[in-house]
Amino acid sequence: MGTCASIPSYSRKNRTLLITNGSSPAKVIHSISGRLQEFRQPVKAGKVLSDSDFFLCNAEDMFVNCHVPHVPAEEDLRPGEIYFIMPAGRGYRPISLQELCSLAVKASVALQESRSDMKKETTAFGRRRSGRGFEKVDFQLALKKL
């Protein structure tokens, strides 16, 4: 999410090139349930949504006190990026810091659970798959500092 980024800002073209060199899937998180879907193959945004009462947004394009931009249905999801499925009515008002932090917590939990599930799986040789580590962030503390 735009205000929570911890890496230097790159143009979208450069960021996409950096991410596609890895094998990280596009990740879609349902904003209400926190359910995570991962897409390792190219997929259009419209194929991810099964209900017109929701829209898809890219976490990198979300900023505090700004409207949440919709990802066009014909756009491919970018590998390594995180997307949220949001209720359609949510796109008509700016997103607050508290809402953005709530989404960040849901994403963090979903990614941590995914990482835990990945560690449980073993390869044919009995070794565990390695996953990227995630740092825990205290969002309540961050909110108090604002």
C-alpha atoms as a PDB file:
ATOM      1  CA  MET A   1       0.000   0.000   0.000  1.00  0.00           C
ATOM      2  CA  GLY A   2       1.440   3.256  -1.072  1.00  0.00           C
ATOM      3  CA  THR A   3       2.019   4.830   2.332  1.00  0.00           C
ATOM      4  CA  CYS A   4       3.381   1.644   3.896  1.00  0.00           C
ATOM      5  CA  ALA A   5       6.061   0.900   1.306  1.00  0.00           C
ATOM      6  CA  SER A   6       9.462   0.134   2.748  1.00  0.00           C
ATOM      7  CA  ILE A   7      11.431  -0.042  -0.500  1.00  0.00           C
ATOM      8  CA  PRO A   8      12.612   2.830  -2.673  1.00  0.00           C
ATOM      9  CA  SER A   9      10.024   4.068  -5.129  1.00  0.00           C
ATOM     10  CA  TYR A  10      10.497   2.913  -8.716  1.00  0.00           C
ATOM     11  CA  SER A  11       8.431   3.610 -11.774  1.00  0.00           C
ATOM     12  CA  ARG A  12       5.795   0.929 -12.348  1.00  0.00           C
ATOM     13  CA  LYS A  13       7.708  -0.288 -15.416  1.00  0.00           C
ATOM     14  CA  ASN A  14      10.945  -0.813 -13.456  1.00  0.00           C
ATOM     15  CA  ARG A  15       9.137  -2.366 -10.490  1.00  0.00           C
ATOM     16  CA  THR A  16       7.350  -4.807 -12.782  1.00  0.00           C
ATOM     17  CA  LEU A  17      10.623  -5.795 -14.418  1.00  0.00           C
ATOM     18  CA  LEU A  18      12.239  -6.393 -11.026  1.00  0.00           C
ATOM     19  CA  ILE A  19       9.375  -8.547  -9.820  1.00  0.00           C
ATOM     20  CA  THR A  20       8.908 -10.647 -12.945  1.00  0.00           C
ATOM     21  CA  ASN A  21      12.510 -11.832 -12.737  1.00  0.00           C
ATOM     22  CA  GLY A  22      11.510 -13.798  -9.608  1.00  0.00           C
ATOM     23  CA  SER A  23       8.947 -16.540  -9.236  1.00  0.00           C
ATOM     24  CA  SER A  24       6.635 -14.718  -6.838  1.00  0.00           C
ATOM     25  CA  PRO A  25       2.942 -15.117  -7.701  1.00  0.00           C
ATOM     26  CA  ALA A  26       0.373 -12.333  -7.842  1.00  0.00           C
ATOM     27  CA  LYS A  27      -1.501 -12.369  -4.532  1.00  0.00           C
ATOM     28  CA  VAL A  28      -5.171 -11.441  -4.149  1.00  0.00           C
ATOM     29  CA  ILE A  29      -6.619 -10.865  -0.680  1.00  0.00           C
ATOM     30  CA  HIS A  30     -10.353 -10.578  -0.028  1.00  0.00           C
ATOM     31  CA  SER A  31     -10.717  -7.416   2.070  1.00  0.00           C
ATOM     32  CA  ILE A  32     -13.607  -8.794   4.133  1.00  0.00           C
ATOM     33  CA  SER A  33     -12.556 -12.387   4.872  1.00  0.00           C
ATOM     34  CA  GLY A  34      -8.783 -11.995   4.551  1.00  0.00           C
ATOM     35  CA  ARG A  35      -8.705 -15.072   2.277  1.00  0.00           C
ATOM     36  CA  LEU A  36      -5.601 -15.268   0.065  1.00  0.00           C
ATOM     37  CA  GLN A  37      -5.459 -16.469  -3.536  1.00  0.00           C
ATOM     38  CA  GLU A  38      -2.158 -16.833  -5.391  1.00  0.00           C
ATOM     39  CA  PHE A  39      -1.838 -16.797  -9.168  1.00  0.00           C
ATOM     40  CA  ARG A  40       1.404 -18.153 -10.616  1.00  0.00           C
ATOM     41  CA  GLN A  41       0.150 -17.989 -14.213  1.00  0.00           C
ATOM     42  CA  PRO A  42      -0.928 -14.767 -15.969  1.00  0.00           C
ATOM     43  CA  VAL A  43      -4.560 -13.932 -15.256  1.00  0.00           C
ATOM     44  CA  LYS A  44      -6.800 -10.994 -16.154  1.00  0.00           C
ATOM     45  CA  ALA A  45      -8.287  -8.975 -13.310  1.00  0.00           C
ATOM     46  CA  GLY A  46     -11.794  -9.687 -14.608  1.00  0.00           C
ATOM     47  CA  LYS A  47     -11.233 -13.450 -14.242  1.00  0.00           C
ATOM     48  CA  VAL A  48     -10.450 -13.073 -10.533  1.00  0.00           C
ATOM     49  CA  LEU A  49     -13.788 -11.423  -9.757  1.00  0.00           C
ATOM     50  CA  SER A  50     -16.866 -13.630  -9.771  1.00  0.00           C
ATOM     51  CA  ASP A  51     -19.239 -10.998  -8.409  1.00  0.00           C
ATOM     52  CA  SER A  52     -19.998  -7.544  -9.816  1.00  0.00           C
ATOM     53  CA  ASP A  53     -20.527  -6.264  -6.256  1.00  0.00           C
ATOM     54  CA  PHE A  54     -16.734  -6.189  -5.842  1.00  0.00           C
ATOM     55  CA  PHE A  55     -13.731  -4.625  -7.579  1.00  0.00           C
ATOM     56  CA  LEU A  56     -10.004  -5.337  -7.623  1.00  0.00           C
ATOM     57  CA  CYS A  57      -7.356  -2.821  -6.579  1.00  0.00           C
ATOM     58  CA  ASN A  58      -3.564  -2.937  -6.469  1.00  0.00           C
ATOM     59  CA  ALA A  59      -2.110  -2.356  -2.996  1.00  0.00           C
ATOM     60  CA  GLU A  60       0.679  -0.228  -4.509  1.00  0.00           C
ATOM     61  CA  ASP A  61      -1.902   2.277  -5.791  1.00  0.00           C
ATOM     62  CA  MET A  62      -3.664   2.836  -2.453  1.00  0.00           C
ATOM     63  CA  PHE A  63      -2.969   6.046  -0.547  1.00  0.00           C
ATOM     64  CA  VAL A  64      -4.456   7.569   2.614  1.00  0.00           C
ATOM     65  CA  ASN A  65      -7.319  10.022   1.960  1.00  0.00           C
ATOM     66  CA  CYS A  66      -7.483   9.089  -1.745  1.00  0.00           C
ATOM     67  CA  HIS A  67     -10.059   7.105  -3.680  1.00  0.00           C
ATOM     68  CA  VAL A  68      -9.126   3.472  -4.270  1.00  0.00           C
ATOM     69  CA  PRO A  69      -8.423   2.990  -8.003  1.00  0.00           C
ATOM     70  CA  HIS A  70      -9.992  -0.011  -9.737  1.00  0.00           C
ATOM     71  CA  VAL A  71      -7.822  -2.403 -11.757  1.00  0.00           C
ATOM     72  CA  PRO A  72      -9.400  -2.649 -15.242  1.00  0.00           C
ATOM     73  CA  ALA A  73     -10.928  -6.071 -16.001  1.00  0.00           C
ATOM     74  CA  GLU A  74      -8.686  -6.553 -19.053  1.00  0.00           C
ATOM     75  CA  GLU A  75      -5.434  -5.846 -17.160  1.00  0.00           C
ATOM     76  CA  ASP A  76      -3.115  -8.753 -16.278  1.00  0.00           C
ATOM     77  CA  LEU A  77      -2.219  -9.152 -12.621  1.00  0.00           C
ATOM     78  CA  ARG A  78       1.473  -8.446 -12.091  1.00  0.00           C
ATOM     79  CA  PRO A  79       3.645 -11.161 -10.520  1.00  0.00           C
ATOM     80  CA  GLY A  80       4.767 -10.327  -7.011  1.00  0.00           C
ATOM     81  CA  GLU A  81       2.125  -7.645  -6.437  1.00  0.00           C
ATOM     82  CA  ILE A  82      -0.630  -7.713  -3.839  1.00  0.00           C
ATOM     83  CA  TYR A  83      -4.227  -6.960  -4.794  1.00  0.00           C
ATOM     84  CA  PHE A  84      -7.365  -6.554  -2.709  1.00  0.00           C
ATOM     85  CA  ILE A  85     -10.923  -7.513  -3.612  1.00  0.00           C
ATOM     86  CA  MET A  86     -13.041  -4.663  -2.247  1.00  0.00           C
ATOM     87  CA  PRO A  87     -16.820  -4.132  -2.031  1.00  0.00           C
ATOM     88  CA  ALA A  88     -18.033  -2.002  -4.965  1.00  0.00           C
ATOM     89  CA  GLY A  89     -19.410   0.699  -2.672  1.00  0.00           C
ATOM     90  CA  ARG A  90     -15.969   1.139  -1.083  1.00  0.00           C
ATOM     91  CA  GLY A  91     -14.564   2.809  -4.180  1.00  0.00           C
ATOM     92  CA  TYR A  92     -16.682   5.947  -3.806  1.00  0.00           C
ATOM     93  CA  ARG A  93     -14.963   7.506  -0.804  1.00  0.00           C
ATOM     94  CA  PRO A  94     -11.337   8.092   0.171  1.00  0.00           C
ATOM     95  CA  ILE A  95      -9.648   5.396   2.239  1.00  0.00           C
ATOM     96  CA  SER A  96      -8.641   6.333   5.781  1.00  0.00           C
ATOM     97  CA  LEU A  97      -5.385   5.506   7.528  1.00  0.00           C
ATOM     98  CA  GLN A  98      -7.238   3.106   9.842  1.00  0.00           C
ATOM     99  CA  GLU A  99      -8.796   1.272   6.866  1.00  0.00           C
ATOM    100  CA  LEU A 100      -5.446   1.072   5.099  1.00  0.00           C
ATOM    101  CA  CYS A 101      -3.798  -0.297   8.246  1.00  0.00           C
ATOM    102  CA  SER A 102      -6.609  -2.836   8.639  1.00  0.00           C
ATOM    103  CA  LEU A 103      -5.967  -4.055   5.089  1.00  0.00           C
ATOM    104  CA  ALA A 104      -2.227  -4.202   5.811  1.00  0.00           C
ATOM    105  CA  VAL A 105      -2.892  -6.372   8.877  1.00  0.00           C
ATOM    106  CA  LYS A 106      -5.148  -8.706   6.847  1.00  0.00           C
ATOM    107  CA  ALA A 107      -2.474  -8.961   4.167  1.00  0.00           C
ATOM    108  CA  SER A 108       0.237  -9.628   6.748  1.00  0.00           C
ATOM    109  CA  VAL A 109      -1.806 -12.392   8.403  1.00  0.00           C
ATOM    110  CA  ALA A 110      -2.714 -13.993   5.056  1.00  0.00           C
ATOM    111  CA  LEU A 111       0.890 -13.913   3.845  1.00  0.00           C
ATOM    112  CA  GLN A 112       2.186 -15.292   7.146  1.00  0.00           C
ATOM    113  CA  GLU A 113      -0.344 -18.150   7.017  1.00  0.00           C
ATOM    114  CA  SER A 114       0.648 -18.836   3.415  1.00  0.00           C
ATOM    115  CA  ARG A 115       4.298 -18.927   4.446  1.00  0.00           C
ATOM    116  CA  SER A 116       3.491 -21.342   7.288  1.00  0.00           C
ATOM    117  CA  ASP A 117       1.588 -23.599   4.897  1.00  0.00           C
ATOM    118  CA  MET A 118       4.533 -23.521   2.482  1.00  0.00           C
ATOM    119  CA  LYS A 119       6.927 -24.586   5.234  1.00  0.00           C
ATOM    120  CA  LYS A 120       4.730 -27.589   6.030  1.00  0.00           C
ATOM    121  CA  GLU A 121       4.944 -28.855   2.462  1.00  0.00           C
ATOM    122  CA  THR A 122       7.990 -30.930   1.649  1.00  0.00           C
ATOM    123  CA  THR A 123       9.713 -31.692  -1.612  1.00  0.00           C
ATOM    124  CA  ALA A 124      10.227 -35.187  -3.012  1.00  0.00           C
ATOM    125  CA  PHE A 125      13.611 -35.263  -1.260  1.00  0.00           C
ATOM    126  CA  GLY A 126      12.127 -34.537   2.165  1.00  0.00           C
ATOM    127  CA  ARG A 127      13.443 -30.976   2.402  1.00  0.00           C
ATOM    128  CA  ARG A 128      11.208 -28.105   3.334  1.00  0.00           C
ATOM    129  CA  ARG A 129      10.545 -25.374   0.835  1.00  0.00           C
ATOM    130  CA  SER A 130      12.086 -22.105   1.836  1.00  0.00           C
ATOM    131  CA  GLY A 131       9.938 -18.980   1.910  1.00  0.00           C
ATOM    132  CA  ARG A 132      10.610 -15.306   2.343  1.00  0.00           C
ATOM    133  CA  GLY A 133      10.540 -14.021   5.879  1.00  0.00           C
ATOM    134  CA  PHE A 134       8.093 -11.349   6.967  1.00  0.00           C
ATOM    135  CA  GLU A 135       8.658  -8.883   9.735  1.00  0.00           C
ATOM    136  CA  LYS A 136       5.827  -8.342  12.182  1.00  0.00           C
ATOM    137  CA  VAL A 137       4.589  -4.773  12.277  1.00  0.00           C
ATOM    138  CA  ASP A 138       2.728  -3.257  15.223  1.00  0.00           C
ATOM    139  CA  PHE A 139       0.090  -1.196  13.412  1.00  0.00           C
ATOM    140  CA  GLN A 140      -1.562  -0.074  16.664  1.00  0.00           C
ATOM    141  CA  LEU A 141       1.737   1.491  17.730  1.00  0.00           C
ATOM    142  CA  ALA A 142       2.101   3.127  14.312  1.00  0.00           C
ATOM    143  CA  LEU A 143      -1.391   4.627  14.602  1.00  0.00           C
ATOM    144  CA  LYS A 144      -0.619   6.033  18.074  1.00  0.00           C
ATOM    145  CA  LYS A 145       2.479   7.789  16.732  1.00  0.00           C
ATOM    146  CA  LEU A 146       0.385   9.642  14.148  1.00  0.00           C
END
